[in-house]
Amino acid sequence: MSMYHWEADQEDFLVLSGEALLIVEDEERPLRQWDFFHCPPNIPHTIVGAGSGPATILAIGGREHQDTPEWGGYPYSEVAMNHNASTEEETNDPKVAYARFPQRQEGEFREDWLP
């Protein structure tokens, strides 16, 4: 879902289907359908896929500090790195945090992608 990070604003996550693994404050916690996680400000966390199929997660968060230098950061986490979900070094720059992954590319929307 994202790299292990913390934000200055709260976030909430509801698992709508499937299974996932919450990593919060360097601890793993399994999630399944209808599990809810409220993340207060400044708590490091991420969610990664788990189980044998896809997971659908509703994520809602405050965005008061989103466009400020105090928005949050990406701490290093060995637990998250075990799932390829941590930065290699602490940073608050998303470009540094995601540097080892391919850049997103725009694509054409195709009607046949939807049922």
C-alpha atoms as a PDB file:
ATOM      1  CA  MET A   1       0.000   0.000   0.000  1.00  0.00           C
ATOM      2  CA  SER A   2       2.828   2.383   0.876  1.00  0.00           C
ATOM      3  CA  MET A   3       6.244   2.583   2.412  1.00  0.00           C
ATOM      4  CA  TYR A   4       6.444   2.438   6.210  1.00  0.00           C
ATOM      5  CA  HIS A   5       5.741   6.018   7.251  1.00  0.00           C
ATOM      6  CA  TRP A   6       4.202   8.342   9.805  1.00  0.00           C
ATOM      7  CA  GLU A   7       2.022  11.369   9.166  1.00  0.00           C
ATOM      8  CA  ALA A   8       1.210  14.471  11.186  1.00  0.00           C
ATOM      9  CA  ASP A   9      -2.496  13.790  10.554  1.00  0.00           C
ATOM     10  CA  GLN A  10      -4.631  10.836  11.612  1.00  0.00           C
ATOM     11  CA  GLU A  11      -5.630   8.052   9.241  1.00  0.00           C
ATOM     12  CA  ASP A  12      -8.202   5.242   9.333  1.00  0.00           C
ATOM     13  CA  PHE A  13      -8.225   1.950   7.445  1.00  0.00           C
ATOM     14  CA  LEU A  14     -11.065  -0.550   6.976  1.00  0.00           C
ATOM     15  CA  VAL A  15     -10.457  -3.908   5.313  1.00  0.00           C
ATOM     16  CA  LEU A  16     -13.397  -4.427   2.947  1.00  0.00           C
ATOM     17  CA  SER A  17     -12.239  -7.788   1.613  1.00  0.00           C
ATOM     18  CA  GLY A  18      -9.265 -10.126   1.682  1.00  0.00           C
ATOM     19  CA  GLU A  19      -6.383 -10.280   4.102  1.00  0.00           C
ATOM     20  CA  ALA A  20      -3.564  -7.866   4.833  1.00  0.00           C
ATOM     21  CA  LEU A  21      -0.739  -7.373   7.274  1.00  0.00           C
ATOM     22  CA  LEU A  22      -0.567  -4.181   9.314  1.00  0.00           C
ATOM     23  CA  ILE A  23       2.900  -3.144  10.401  1.00  0.00           C
ATOM     24  CA  VAL A  24       2.595  -0.542  13.149  1.00  0.00           C
ATOM     25  CA  GLU A  25       5.364   0.636  15.453  1.00  0.00           C
ATOM     26  CA  ASP A  26       7.552  -2.250  14.179  1.00  0.00           C
ATOM     27  CA  GLU A  27       4.988  -4.939  15.041  1.00  0.00           C
ATOM     28  CA  GLU A  28       3.033  -7.146  12.628  1.00  0.00           C
ATOM     29  CA  ARG A  29      -0.722  -7.533  13.059  1.00  0.00           C
ATOM     30  CA  PRO A  30      -2.871  -9.598  10.687  1.00  0.00           C
ATOM     31  CA  LEU A  31      -5.972  -7.957   9.245  1.00  0.00           C
ATOM     32  CA  ARG A  32      -9.016  -9.558   7.652  1.00  0.00           C
ATOM     33  CA  GLN A  33     -12.381  -8.404   6.338  1.00  0.00           C
ATOM     34  CA  TRP A  34     -14.049  -5.752   8.531  1.00  0.00           C
ATOM     35  CA  ASP A  35     -10.971  -5.137  10.671  1.00  0.00           C
ATOM     36  CA  PHE A  36     -10.524  -1.427  11.371  1.00  0.00           C
ATOM     37  CA  PHE A  37      -7.294   0.374  12.231  1.00  0.00           C
ATOM     38  CA  HIS A  38      -7.287   3.941  13.548  1.00  0.00           C
ATOM     39  CA  CYS A  39      -3.828   5.455  13.256  1.00  0.00           C
ATOM     40  CA  PRO A  40      -3.264   8.536  15.423  1.00  0.00           C
ATOM     41  CA  PRO A  41      -0.848  11.211  14.191  1.00  0.00           C
ATOM     42  CA  ASN A  42       2.895  10.453  14.320  1.00  0.00           C
ATOM     43  CA  ILE A  43       2.573   6.634  14.489  1.00  0.00           C
ATOM     44  CA  PRO A  44       4.743   4.722  11.963  1.00  0.00           C
ATOM     45  CA  HIS A  45       2.725   2.208   9.939  1.00  0.00           C
ATOM     46  CA  THR A  46       2.015   0.541   6.611  1.00  0.00           C
ATOM     47  CA  ILE A  47      -0.239  -2.209   5.292  1.00  0.00           C
ATOM     48  CA  VAL A  48       0.972  -4.966   2.964  1.00  0.00           C
ATOM     49  CA  GLY A  49      -0.910  -7.723   1.178  1.00  0.00           C
ATOM     50  CA  ALA A  50      -1.298 -11.110   2.839  1.00  0.00           C
ATOM     51  CA  GLY A  51      -3.213 -14.276   2.094  1.00  0.00           C
ATOM     52  CA  SER A  52      -3.751 -15.895  -1.271  1.00  0.00           C
ATOM     53  CA  GLY A  53      -5.790 -13.205  -3.031  1.00  0.00           C
ATOM     54  CA  PRO A  54      -6.272  -9.461  -3.348  1.00  0.00           C
ATOM     55  CA  ALA A  55      -7.365  -7.210  -0.506  1.00  0.00           C
ATOM     56  CA  THR A  56      -9.527  -4.098  -0.687  1.00  0.00           C
ATOM     57  CA  ILE A  57      -8.881  -1.427   1.916  1.00  0.00           C
ATOM     58  CA  LEU A  58     -10.724   1.839   2.440  1.00  0.00           C
ATOM     59  CA  ALA A  59      -8.239   4.475   3.622  1.00  0.00           C
ATOM     60  CA  ILE A  60      -9.346   7.856   4.956  1.00  0.00           C
ATOM     61  CA  GLY A  61      -7.092  10.473   6.470  1.00  0.00           C
ATOM     62  CA  GLY A  62      -6.800  14.048   7.562  1.00  0.00           C
ATOM     63  CA  ARG A  63      -4.742  16.206   5.230  1.00  0.00           C
ATOM     64  CA  GLU A  64      -4.196  19.400   7.232  1.00  0.00           C
ATOM     65  CA  HIS A  65      -0.380  19.071   7.064  1.00  0.00           C
ATOM     66  CA  GLN A  66      -0.102  17.311   3.683  1.00  0.00           C
ATOM     67  CA  ASP A  67       1.548  20.201   1.853  1.00  0.00           C
ATOM     68  CA  THR A  68       3.860  21.326   4.651  1.00  0.00           C
ATOM     69  CA  PRO A  69       7.402  20.235   5.528  1.00  0.00           C
ATOM     70  CA  GLU A  70       5.991  18.758   8.751  1.00  0.00           C
ATOM     71  CA  TRP A  71       3.692  16.313   6.875  1.00  0.00           C
ATOM     72  CA  GLY A  72       5.497  13.210   8.170  1.00  0.00           C
ATOM     73  CA  GLY A  73       8.368  10.942   7.283  1.00  0.00           C
ATOM     74  CA  TYR A  74       9.681   7.522   6.355  1.00  0.00           C
ATOM     75  CA  PRO A  75      11.600   5.865   9.204  1.00  0.00           C
ATOM     76  CA  TYR A  76      13.677   2.772   8.566  1.00  0.00           C
ATOM     77  CA  SER A  77      12.007  -0.431   9.826  1.00  0.00           C
ATOM     78  CA  GLU A  78      13.590  -3.867   9.631  1.00  0.00           C
ATOM     79  CA  VAL A  79      10.146  -5.449  10.133  1.00  0.00           C
ATOM     80  CA  ALA A  80       8.719  -3.488   7.190  1.00  0.00           C
ATOM     81  CA  MET A  81      11.856  -4.118   5.120  1.00  0.00           C
ATOM     82  CA  ASN A  82      11.165  -7.868   5.476  1.00  0.00           C
ATOM     83  CA  HIS A  83       8.103  -7.120   3.313  1.00  0.00           C
ATOM     84  CA  ASN A  84       9.942  -4.694   0.974  1.00  0.00           C
ATOM     85  CA  ALA A  85       7.955  -1.833   2.534  1.00  0.00           C
ATOM     86  CA  SER A  86      10.609   0.328   4.214  1.00  0.00           C
ATOM     87  CA  THR A  87      13.023   2.936   3.038  1.00  0.00           C
ATOM     88  CA  GLU A  88      16.678   2.027   3.182  1.00  0.00           C
ATOM     89  CA  GLU A  89      17.388   5.219   5.114  1.00  0.00           C
ATOM     90  CA  GLU A  90      15.224   7.602   7.124  1.00  0.00           C
ATOM     91  CA  THR A  91      13.855  10.484   5.062  1.00  0.00           C
ATOM     92  CA  ASN A  92      10.856  12.768   4.725  1.00  0.00           C
ATOM     93  CA  ASP A  93      11.234  12.986   0.936  1.00  0.00           C
ATOM     94  CA  PRO A  94       8.890  10.625  -0.957  1.00  0.00           C
ATOM     95  CA  LYS A  95      11.238  10.655  -3.977  1.00  0.00           C
ATOM     96  CA  VAL A  96      14.025   9.251  -1.802  1.00  0.00           C
ATOM     97  CA  ALA A  97      11.698   6.765  -0.076  1.00  0.00           C
ATOM     98  CA  TYR A  98      10.450   5.314  -3.373  1.00  0.00           C
ATOM     99  CA  ALA A  99      13.678   5.745  -5.393  1.00  0.00           C
ATOM    100  CA  ARG A 100      14.323   1.991  -5.781  1.00  0.00           C
ATOM    101  CA  PHE A 101      10.947   1.419  -7.455  1.00  0.00           C
ATOM    102  CA  PRO A 102      10.096   2.207 -11.111  1.00  0.00           C
ATOM    103  CA  GLN A 103       8.475   5.562 -11.743  1.00  0.00           C
ATOM    104  CA  ARG A 104       4.742   5.563 -12.344  1.00  0.00           C
ATOM    105  CA  GLN A 105       3.777   5.859 -15.985  1.00  0.00           C
ATOM    106  CA  GLU A 106       0.580   7.324 -17.295  1.00  0.00           C
ATOM    107  CA  GLY A 107      -1.479   4.986 -19.386  1.00  0.00           C
ATOM    108  CA  GLU A 108      -4.590   5.044 -21.429  1.00  0.00           C
ATOM    109  CA  PHE A 109      -7.863   4.117 -19.734  1.00  0.00           C
ATOM    110  CA  ARG A 110      -9.544   1.175 -21.420  1.00  0.00           C
ATOM    111  CA  GLU A 111     -13.263   0.466 -21.098  1.00  0.00           C
ATOM    112  CA  ASP A 112     -12.655  -3.310 -21.148  1.00  0.00           C
ATOM    113  CA  TRP A 113     -10.858  -3.065 -17.767  1.00  0.00           C
ATOM    114  CA  LEU A 114     -14.207  -2.668 -16.014  1.00  0.00           C
ATOM    115  CA  PRO A 115     -17.015  -5.239 -15.954  1.00  0.00           C
END
